[in-house]
Amino acid sequence: MTEVYTLNQIETELKKRRVYPYQWGKKQNQADDKQTDFIYSILYFEDVCGEIERKFKQHPDYEGFKNYALNRWYNFWSAVAVEKIFAQSTLINPAENPQDRLVDFELKGIPFDHKSSVFPKAYPQSLAFARQNPQHLIEWLYKNQSQENRKHFKNRLFIIFYATEGEHWHLKAEINWIKTLIETYLQNFKFAQLLKIQLQPQQLTMADVIWAIQEPK
């Protein structure tokens, strides 16, 4: 990815994705990831749709691959924007190795991966419970999400999206709104607020949640 895009450009393209339903149809897996890795180098929505058409139009599972690729594209470029927002803060040092899957940046010297996630349907408690007990949610997320390449128990900052009117996933495209939430979080950040969790023997994980909750209009 050589071209540098603005947050507004990314937001504009991501919002075009919302005209299609968001459905996976199957779990993420390394084989299908490999076939759709072109999503990393294409920002513009029309171009990624054209590449999907070119590559999978004759495939018997065309709709499945279309959904899979569009979902990966949407989540990837939203994450690119989020990392760009973090990197703009004087409190943040971006990872020296952009390919490091365990560290996206350092916050006041503490290494973190970031994970944007909609509030999970499978989580056995309510949003209200999770907000009162973030450690319970965080432990659940570590154990139940990212089962493929990104599964790890290192430090992580979670951004959890929840739209009270439904369609939580839409919020990942609201880049400038997310920017305000992250900036507020960083301005008020204190080491003491981090949750210290024992997920593996002899390893203490530090984590926190940035809540991205859209109230009814």
C-alpha atoms as a PDB file:
ATOM      1  CA  MET A   1       0.000   0.000   0.000  1.00  0.00           C
ATOM      2  CA  THR A   2       1.991   2.945  -1.302  1.00  0.00           C
ATOM      3  CA  GLU A   3      -0.634   5.669  -1.694  1.00  0.00           C
ATOM      4  CA  VAL A   4      -1.601   7.700   1.356  1.00  0.00           C
ATOM      5  CA  TYR A   5      -5.320   8.332   1.796  1.00  0.00           C
ATOM      6  CA  THR A   6      -7.093  10.869   3.990  1.00  0.00           C
ATOM      7  CA  LEU A   7      -9.590   9.916   6.667  1.00  0.00           C
ATOM      8  CA  ASN A   8     -12.338  11.595   4.662  1.00  0.00           C
ATOM      9  CA  GLN A   9     -11.498   9.544   1.587  1.00  0.00           C
ATOM     10  CA  ILE A  10     -11.628   6.309   3.575  1.00  0.00           C
ATOM     11  CA  GLU A  11     -14.924   7.282   5.213  1.00  0.00           C
ATOM     12  CA  THR A  12     -16.500   8.103   1.847  1.00  0.00           C
ATOM     13  CA  GLU A  13     -15.533   4.722   0.371  1.00  0.00           C
ATOM     14  CA  LEU A  14     -16.546   2.708   3.446  1.00  0.00           C
ATOM     15  CA  LYS A  15     -20.018   4.232   3.487  1.00  0.00           C
ATOM     16  CA  LYS A  16     -20.606   2.911  -0.033  1.00  0.00           C
ATOM     17  CA  ARG A  17     -20.366  -0.633   1.385  1.00  0.00           C
ATOM     18  CA  ARG A  18     -23.455  -0.094   3.518  1.00  0.00           C
ATOM     19  CA  VAL A  19     -25.845  -0.480   0.573  1.00  0.00           C
ATOM     20  CA  TYR A  20     -25.203  -4.249   0.678  1.00  0.00           C
ATOM     21  CA  PRO A  21     -26.203  -6.535   3.573  1.00  0.00           C
ATOM     22  CA  TYR A  22     -23.362  -7.559   5.865  1.00  0.00           C
ATOM     23  CA  GLN A  23     -23.213 -11.339   5.969  1.00  0.00           C
ATOM     24  CA  TRP A  24     -20.361 -13.819   6.041  1.00  0.00           C
ATOM     25  CA  GLY A  25     -21.981 -17.159   5.312  1.00  0.00           C
ATOM     26  CA  LYS A  26     -18.862 -18.924   6.571  1.00  0.00           C
ATOM     27  CA  LYS A  27     -16.096 -18.446   9.107  1.00  0.00           C
ATOM     28  CA  GLN A  28     -12.934 -16.627   8.162  1.00  0.00           C
ATOM     29  CA  ASN A  29     -10.197 -19.012   7.117  1.00  0.00           C
ATOM     30  CA  GLN A  30      -6.681 -18.735   5.758  1.00  0.00           C
ATOM     31  CA  ALA A  31      -7.483 -20.252   2.364  1.00  0.00           C
ATOM     32  CA  ASP A  32     -10.231 -17.748   1.547  1.00  0.00           C
ATOM     33  CA  ASP A  33      -8.185 -14.933   3.070  1.00  0.00           C
ATOM     34  CA  LYS A  34      -5.404 -15.733   0.605  1.00  0.00           C
ATOM     35  CA  GLN A  35      -7.805 -15.595  -2.336  1.00  0.00           C
ATOM     36  CA  THR A  36      -9.106 -12.183  -1.269  1.00  0.00           C
ATOM     37  CA  ASP A  37      -5.867 -10.508  -0.212  1.00  0.00           C
ATOM     38  CA  PHE A  38      -6.283  -7.959  -3.029  1.00  0.00           C
ATOM     39  CA  ILE A  39      -8.510  -6.009  -0.613  1.00  0.00           C
ATOM     40  CA  TYR A  40      -5.358  -4.677   1.091  1.00  0.00           C
ATOM     41  CA  SER A  41      -4.296  -2.648  -1.948  1.00  0.00           C
ATOM     42  CA  ILE A  42      -7.657  -1.304  -3.185  1.00  0.00           C
ATOM     43  CA  LEU A  43      -9.423   1.516  -1.359  1.00  0.00           C
ATOM     44  CA  TYR A  44     -12.043   2.574  -3.873  1.00  0.00           C
ATOM     45  CA  PHE A  45     -15.295   0.666  -3.544  1.00  0.00           C
ATOM     46  CA  GLU A  46     -16.023   0.477  -7.266  1.00  0.00           C
ATOM     47  CA  ASP A  47     -12.535  -0.885  -7.912  1.00  0.00           C
ATOM     48  CA  VAL A  48     -12.776  -3.612  -5.276  1.00  0.00           C
ATOM     49  CA  CYS A  49     -16.183  -4.619  -6.654  1.00  0.00           C
ATOM     50  CA  GLY A  50     -14.625  -4.809 -10.112  1.00  0.00           C
ATOM     51  CA  GLU A  51     -11.821  -7.037  -8.854  1.00  0.00           C
ATOM     52  CA  ILE A  52     -14.325  -9.323  -7.109  1.00  0.00           C
ATOM     53  CA  GLU A  53     -16.278  -9.563 -10.361  1.00  0.00           C
ATOM     54  CA  ARG A  54     -13.141 -10.303 -12.381  1.00  0.00           C
ATOM     55  CA  LYS A  55     -11.838 -12.963 -10.022  1.00  0.00           C
ATOM     56  CA  PHE A  56     -14.975 -14.772  -8.868  1.00  0.00           C
ATOM     57  CA  LYS A  57     -17.742 -14.178 -11.417  1.00  0.00           C
ATOM     58  CA  GLN A  58     -17.423 -17.715 -12.794  1.00  0.00           C
ATOM     59  CA  HIS A  59     -17.059 -19.304  -9.361  1.00  0.00           C
ATOM     60  CA  PRO A  60     -20.070 -21.400  -8.211  1.00  0.00           C
ATOM     61  CA  ASP A  61     -19.915 -19.592  -4.862  1.00  0.00           C
ATOM     62  CA  TYR A  62     -19.683 -16.113  -6.347  1.00  0.00           C
ATOM     63  CA  GLU A  63     -22.028 -14.518  -3.782  1.00  0.00           C
ATOM     64  CA  GLY A  64     -20.140 -16.142  -0.920  1.00  0.00           C
ATOM     65  CA  PHE A  65     -16.795 -14.811  -2.124  1.00  0.00           C
ATOM     66  CA  LYS A  66     -18.314 -11.399  -2.859  1.00  0.00           C
ATOM     67  CA  ASN A  67     -19.599 -11.075   0.712  1.00  0.00           C
ATOM     68  CA  TYR A  68     -16.361 -12.448   2.138  1.00  0.00           C
ATOM     69  CA  ALA A  69     -14.173 -10.030   0.184  1.00  0.00           C
ATOM     70  CA  LEU A  70     -16.373  -6.989   0.834  1.00  0.00           C
ATOM     71  CA  ASN A  71     -16.448  -7.717   4.560  1.00  0.00           C
ATOM     72  CA  ARG A  72     -12.679  -8.103   4.746  1.00  0.00           C
ATOM     73  CA  TRP A  73     -12.203  -4.933   2.672  1.00  0.00           C
ATOM     74  CA  TYR A  74     -14.571  -2.958   4.915  1.00  0.00           C
ATOM     75  CA  ASN A  75     -13.007  -4.128   8.164  1.00  0.00           C
ATOM     76  CA  PHE A  76      -9.449  -3.664   6.899  1.00  0.00           C
ATOM     77  CA  TRP A  77      -9.880  -0.093   5.678  1.00  0.00           C
ATOM     78  CA  SER A  78     -11.782   0.904   8.800  1.00  0.00           C
ATOM     79  CA  ALA A  79      -8.838  -0.463  10.823  1.00  0.00           C
ATOM     80  CA  VAL A  80      -6.386   1.471   8.616  1.00  0.00           C
ATOM     81  CA  ALA A  81      -8.278   4.664   9.420  1.00  0.00           C
ATOM     82  CA  VAL A  82      -8.328   3.862  13.148  1.00  0.00           C
ATOM     83  CA  GLU A  83      -4.576   3.257  13.223  1.00  0.00           C
ATOM     84  CA  LYS A  84      -4.079   6.501  11.308  1.00  0.00           C
ATOM     85  CA  ILE A  85      -6.117   8.332  13.975  1.00  0.00           C
ATOM     86  CA  PHE A  86      -4.049   6.827  16.783  1.00  0.00           C
ATOM     87  CA  ALA A  87      -0.804   7.699  14.965  1.00  0.00           C
ATOM     88  CA  GLN A  88      -1.774  11.375  14.833  1.00  0.00           C
ATOM     89  CA  SER A  89      -1.579  11.627  18.642  1.00  0.00           C
ATOM     90  CA  THR A  90       1.635  12.761  20.333  1.00  0.00           C
ATOM     91  CA  LEU A  91       1.041   9.997  22.911  1.00  0.00           C
ATOM     92  CA  ILE A  92       1.387   7.303  20.246  1.00  0.00           C
ATOM     93  CA  ASN A  93       4.435   5.745  18.601  1.00  0.00           C
ATOM     94  CA  PRO A  94       3.415   3.595  15.601  1.00  0.00           C
ATOM     95  CA  ALA A  95       4.912   0.105  15.441  1.00  0.00           C
ATOM     96  CA  GLU A  96       8.361   0.020  13.875  1.00  0.00           C
ATOM     97  CA  ASN A  97       7.309  -3.012  11.836  1.00  0.00           C
ATOM     98  CA  PRO A  98       3.953  -2.395  10.069  1.00  0.00           C
ATOM     99  CA  GLN A  99       3.634  -6.161   9.512  1.00  0.00           C
ATOM    100  CA  ASP A 100       3.786  -6.942  13.240  1.00  0.00           C
ATOM    101  CA  ARG A 101       0.478  -8.649  14.025  1.00  0.00           C
ATOM    102  CA  LEU A 102       0.978  -8.277  17.786  1.00  0.00           C
ATOM    103  CA  VAL A 103       1.691  -4.534  17.982  1.00  0.00           C
ATOM    104  CA  ASP A 104       0.036  -1.676  16.086  1.00  0.00           C
ATOM    105  CA  PHE A 105       1.459   1.112  18.257  1.00  0.00           C
ATOM    106  CA  GLU A 106       2.796   2.089  21.667  1.00  0.00           C
ATOM    107  CA  LEU A 107       0.712   4.253  24.001  1.00  0.00           C
ATOM    108  CA  LYS A 108       2.973   5.988  26.499  1.00  0.00           C
ATOM    109  CA  GLY A 109       5.514   3.234  25.906  1.00  0.00           C
ATOM    110  CA  ILE A 110       3.048   0.343  26.278  1.00  0.00           C
ATOM    111  CA  PRO A 111       2.684  -1.848  23.155  1.00  0.00           C
ATOM    112  CA  PHE A 112      -0.875  -2.461  21.946  1.00  0.00           C
ATOM    113  CA  ASP A 113      -2.715  -4.197  19.178  1.00  0.00           C
ATOM    114  CA  HIS A 114      -6.055  -2.575  18.388  1.00  0.00           C
ATOM    115  CA  LYS A 115      -9.209  -4.501  17.567  1.00  0.00           C
ATOM    116  CA  SER A 116     -12.418  -2.957  16.259  1.00  0.00           C
ATOM    117  CA  SER A 117     -15.421  -5.168  16.903  1.00  0.00           C
ATOM    118  CA  VAL A 118     -19.184  -4.884  16.900  1.00  0.00           C
ATOM    119  CA  PHE A 119     -20.804  -5.907  20.159  1.00  0.00           C
ATOM    120  CA  PRO A 120     -20.904  -9.690  19.660  1.00  0.00           C
ATOM    121  CA  LYS A 121     -24.280 -11.407  19.313  1.00  0.00           C
ATOM    122  CA  ALA A 122     -22.879 -14.517  20.963  1.00  0.00           C
ATOM    123  CA  TYR A 123     -21.765 -12.680  24.090  1.00  0.00           C
ATOM    124  CA  PRO A 124     -23.921 -14.123  26.903  1.00  0.00           C
ATOM    125  CA  GLN A 125     -24.574 -10.819  28.685  1.00  0.00           C
ATOM    126  CA  SER A 126     -26.158  -7.453  27.889  1.00  0.00           C
ATOM    127  CA  LEU A 127     -24.424  -4.241  26.834  1.00  0.00           C
ATOM    128  CA  ALA A 128     -25.247  -2.739  30.228  1.00  0.00           C
ATOM    129  CA  PHE A 129     -23.537  -5.662  31.977  1.00  0.00           C
ATOM    130  CA  ALA A 130     -20.486  -5.376  29.712  1.00  0.00           C
ATOM    131  CA  ARG A 131     -20.103  -1.673  30.399  1.00  0.00           C
ATOM    132  CA  GLN A 132     -20.208  -2.337  34.132  1.00  0.00           C
ATOM    133  CA  ASN A 133     -17.923  -5.372  33.824  1.00  0.00           C
ATOM    134  CA  PRO A 134     -15.533  -4.689  30.917  1.00  0.00           C
ATOM    135  CA  GLN A 135     -13.069  -7.339  32.077  1.00  0.00           C
ATOM    136  CA  HIS A 136     -15.705 -10.040  31.566  1.00  0.00           C
ATOM    137  CA  LEU A 137     -16.287  -8.866  27.992  1.00  0.00           C
ATOM    138  CA  ILE A 138     -12.564  -8.522  27.261  1.00  0.00           C
ATOM    139  CA  GLU A 139     -11.794 -12.038  28.484  1.00  0.00           C
ATOM    140  CA  TRP A 140     -14.656 -13.367  26.365  1.00  0.00           C
ATOM    141  CA  LEU A 141     -13.353 -11.526  23.283  1.00  0.00           C
ATOM    142  CA  TYR A 142      -9.810 -12.856  23.707  1.00  0.00           C
ATOM    143  CA  LYS A 143     -11.082 -16.414  24.001  1.00  0.00           C
ATOM    144  CA  ASN A 144     -13.782 -16.350  21.313  1.00  0.00           C
ATOM    145  CA  GLN A 145     -12.617 -14.018  18.541  1.00  0.00           C
ATOM    146  CA  SER A 146      -9.750 -13.945  16.028  1.00  0.00           C
ATOM    147  CA  GLN A 147      -9.229 -17.682  15.829  1.00  0.00           C
ATOM    148  CA  GLU A 148      -6.991 -17.462  12.770  1.00  0.00           C
ATOM    149  CA  ASN A 149      -3.879 -15.339  12.179  1.00  0.00           C
ATOM    150  CA  ARG A 150      -4.694 -12.578  14.649  1.00  0.00           C
ATOM    151  CA  LYS A 151      -5.405 -14.729  17.698  1.00  0.00           C
ATOM    152  CA  HIS A 152      -3.094 -13.811  20.561  1.00  0.00           C
ATOM    153  CA  PHE A 153      -3.134 -12.817  24.226  1.00  0.00           C
ATOM    154  CA  LYS A 154      -0.947  -9.705  24.035  1.00  0.00           C
ATOM    155  CA  ASN A 155      -2.044  -6.193  25.045  1.00  0.00           C
ATOM    156  CA  ARG A 156      -5.036  -4.924  23.132  1.00  0.00           C
ATOM    157  CA  LEU A 157      -7.269  -1.864  22.934  1.00  0.00           C
ATOM    158  CA  PHE A 158     -10.768  -2.813  21.846  1.00  0.00           C
ATOM    159  CA  ILE A 159     -13.153  -0.434  20.113  1.00  0.00           C
ATOM    160  CA  ILE A 160     -16.645  -1.860  20.606  1.00  0.00           C
ATOM    161  CA  PHE A 161     -19.394  -0.633  18.290  1.00  0.00           C
ATOM    162  CA  TYR A 162     -23.026  -0.667  19.309  1.00  0.00           C
ATOM    163  CA  ALA A 163     -25.915   1.044  17.532  1.00  0.00           C
ATOM    164  CA  THR A 164     -29.064   1.076  19.650  1.00  0.00           C
ATOM    165  CA  GLU A 165     -31.134   1.066  16.449  1.00  0.00           C
ATOM    166  CA  GLY A 166     -29.264  -1.988  15.130  1.00  0.00           C
ATOM    167  CA  GLU A 167     -26.685  -2.438  12.328  1.00  0.00           C
ATOM    168  CA  HIS A 168     -23.673  -2.070  14.630  1.00  0.00           C
ATOM    169  CA  TRP A 169     -21.344  -2.665  11.683  1.00  0.00           C
ATOM    170  CA  HIS A 170     -22.409   0.605  10.034  1.00  0.00           C
ATOM    171  CA  LEU A 171     -20.542   2.512  12.739  1.00  0.00           C
ATOM    172  CA  LYS A 172     -17.137   1.274  11.530  1.00  0.00           C
ATOM    173  CA  ALA A 173     -17.537   3.661   8.587  1.00  0.00           C
ATOM    174  CA  GLU A 174     -18.129   6.732  10.771  1.00  0.00           C
ATOM    175  CA  ILE A 175     -14.433   7.606  10.774  1.00  0.00           C
ATOM    176  CA  ASN A 176     -14.640  11.210  11.929  1.00  0.00           C
ATOM    177  CA  TRP A 177     -16.948  10.221  14.786  1.00  0.00           C
ATOM    178  CA  ILE A 178     -14.498   7.469  15.757  1.00  0.00           C
ATOM    179  CA  LYS A 179     -11.711  10.062  15.627  1.00  0.00           C
ATOM    180  CA  THR A 180     -13.484  12.140  18.274  1.00  0.00           C
ATOM    181  CA  LEU A 181     -13.927   9.096  20.525  1.00  0.00           C
ATOM    182  CA  ILE A 182     -10.267   8.067  20.253  1.00  0.00           C
ATOM    183  CA  GLU A 183      -8.989  11.585  20.840  1.00  0.00           C
ATOM    184  CA  THR A 184     -11.147  11.896  23.960  1.00  0.00           C
ATOM    185  CA  TYR A 185      -9.902   8.530  25.218  1.00  0.00           C
ATOM    186  CA  LEU A 186      -6.256   9.479  24.706  1.00  0.00           C
ATOM    187  CA  GLN A 187      -6.659  12.908  26.308  1.00  0.00           C
ATOM    188  CA  ASN A 188      -7.977  11.245  29.457  1.00  0.00           C
ATOM    189  CA  PHE A 189      -5.767   8.129  29.417  1.00  0.00           C
ATOM    190  CA  LYS A 190      -4.196   6.975  32.668  1.00  0.00           C
ATOM    191  CA  PHE A 191      -2.160   3.811  33.145  1.00  0.00           C
ATOM    192  CA  ALA A 192      -4.254   2.878  36.189  1.00  0.00           C
ATOM    193  CA  GLN A 193      -7.393   2.465  34.060  1.00  0.00           C
ATOM    194  CA  LEU A 194      -5.932  -0.461  32.117  1.00  0.00           C
ATOM    195  CA  LEU A 195      -7.281  -3.872  33.047  1.00  0.00           C
ATOM    196  CA  LYS A 196      -4.587  -6.381  33.953  1.00  0.00           C
ATOM    197  CA  ILE A 197      -5.777  -9.860  33.048  1.00  0.00           C
ATOM    198  CA  GLN A 198      -4.182 -13.287  33.512  1.00  0.00           C
ATOM    199  CA  LEU A 199      -5.022 -15.114  30.282  1.00  0.00           C
ATOM    200  CA  GLN A 200      -1.951 -17.349  30.166  1.00  0.00           C
ATOM    201  CA  PRO A 201       0.523 -18.614  32.770  1.00  0.00           C
ATOM    202  CA  GLN A 202       3.273 -16.120  33.563  1.00  0.00           C
ATOM    203  CA  GLN A 203       1.799 -13.498  31.207  1.00  0.00           C
ATOM    204  CA  LEU A 204      -0.179 -10.463  32.315  1.00  0.00           C
ATOM    205  CA  THR A 205      -2.239  -8.870  29.553  1.00  0.00           C
ATOM    206  CA  MET A 206      -3.201  -5.197  29.629  1.00  0.00           C
ATOM    207  CA  ALA A 207      -6.388  -4.193  27.850  1.00  0.00           C
ATOM    208  CA  ASP A 208      -9.139  -1.604  27.733  1.00  0.00           C
ATOM    209  CA  VAL A 209     -12.334  -0.760  25.855  1.00  0.00           C
ATOM    210  CA  ILE A 210     -13.206   2.376  23.933  1.00  0.00           C
ATOM    211  CA  TRP A 211     -16.996   2.347  23.721  1.00  0.00           C
ATOM    212  CA  ALA A 212     -18.429   3.508  20.386  1.00  0.00           C
ATOM    213  CA  ILE A 213     -22.133   3.599  21.150  1.00  0.00           C
ATOM    214  CA  GLN A 214     -24.599   5.382  18.913  1.00  0.00           C
ATOM    215  CA  GLU A 215     -27.678   6.526  20.764  1.00  0.00           C
ATOM    216  CA  PRO A 216     -31.112   6.782  19.094  1.00  0.00           C
ATOM    217  CA  LYS A 217     -31.626   9.962  17.085  1.00  0.00           C
END
